[in-house]
Amino acid sequence: MNNTEKVEKLLRDYGYPEKAIPRLVREIGPVSYEKVEKLIMPYHDITAGK
């Protein structure tokens, strides 16, 4: 599994909307999976107060 696939899986596991994942992956670009894992939060944590 390459970096992009791992990031896509992480975003899905974190509950990000399927339609947003391609754009997020493009914006994340070449950042390593480990760094992405440390930087992003589960989607439900971000949207909890809305």
Protein backbone atom coordinates (compact mmCIF):
# COMPACT_ATOMS: atom_id res chain seq x y z
CA MET A 1 0.00 0.00 0.00
CA ASN A 2 1.54 3.33 -1.03
CA ASN A 3 1.43 6.61 0.89
CA THR A 4 -1.63 7.95 -0.96
CA GLU A 5 -3.62 4.78 -0.33
CA LYS A 6 -2.69 4.84 3.36
CA VAL A 7 -3.75 8.48 3.68
CA GLU A 8 -7.05 7.76 1.90
CA LYS A 9 -7.72 4.85 4.26
CA LEU A 10 -6.87 7.00 7.29
CA LEU A 11 -9.29 9.71 6.15
CA ARG A 12 -12.03 7.12 5.63
CA ASP A 13 -11.32 5.55 9.01
CA TYR A 14 -11.52 9.01 10.59
CA GLY A 15 -14.96 9.55 9.02
CA TYR A 16 -14.17 12.23 6.46
CA PRO A 17 -16.84 12.61 3.73
CA GLU A 18 -16.05 10.46 0.70
CA LYS A 19 -16.49 13.42 -1.67
CA ALA A 20 -13.84 15.43 0.23
CA ILE A 21 -11.14 12.75 0.28
CA PRO A 22 -9.70 13.30 -3.25
CA ARG A 23 -9.33 17.04 -2.60
CA LEU A 24 -7.76 16.46 0.81
CA VAL A 25 -5.29 13.95 -0.63
CA ARG A 26 -4.27 16.49 -3.31
CA GLU A 27 -3.81 19.20 -0.69
CA ILE A 28 -1.81 16.91 1.60
CA GLY A 29 0.45 16.06 -1.35
CA PRO A 30 3.77 14.42 -0.58
CA VAL A 31 3.53 14.68 3.22
CA SER A 32 4.41 11.37 4.86
CA TYR A 33 1.67 9.17 6.28
CA GLU A 34 3.17 9.41 9.76
CA LYS A 35 3.06 13.21 9.69
CA VAL A 36 -0.51 13.24 8.35
CA GLU A 37 -1.55 10.84 11.10
CA LYS A 38 -0.18 13.26 13.72
CA LEU A 39 -1.71 16.37 12.12
CA ILE A 40 -5.31 15.47 11.35
CA MET A 41 -8.18 14.79 13.71
CA PRO A 42 -11.13 12.47 13.32
CA TYR A 43 -13.88 14.27 11.40
CA HIS A 44 -16.43 13.83 14.18
CA ASP A 45 -14.10 15.64 16.61
CA ILE A 46 -13.85 18.61 14.25
CA THR A 47 -17.59 18.87 13.65
CA ALA A 48 -18.78 18.00 17.17
CA GLY A 49 -19.69 21.55 18.16
CA LYS A 50 -21.50 22.43 14.94
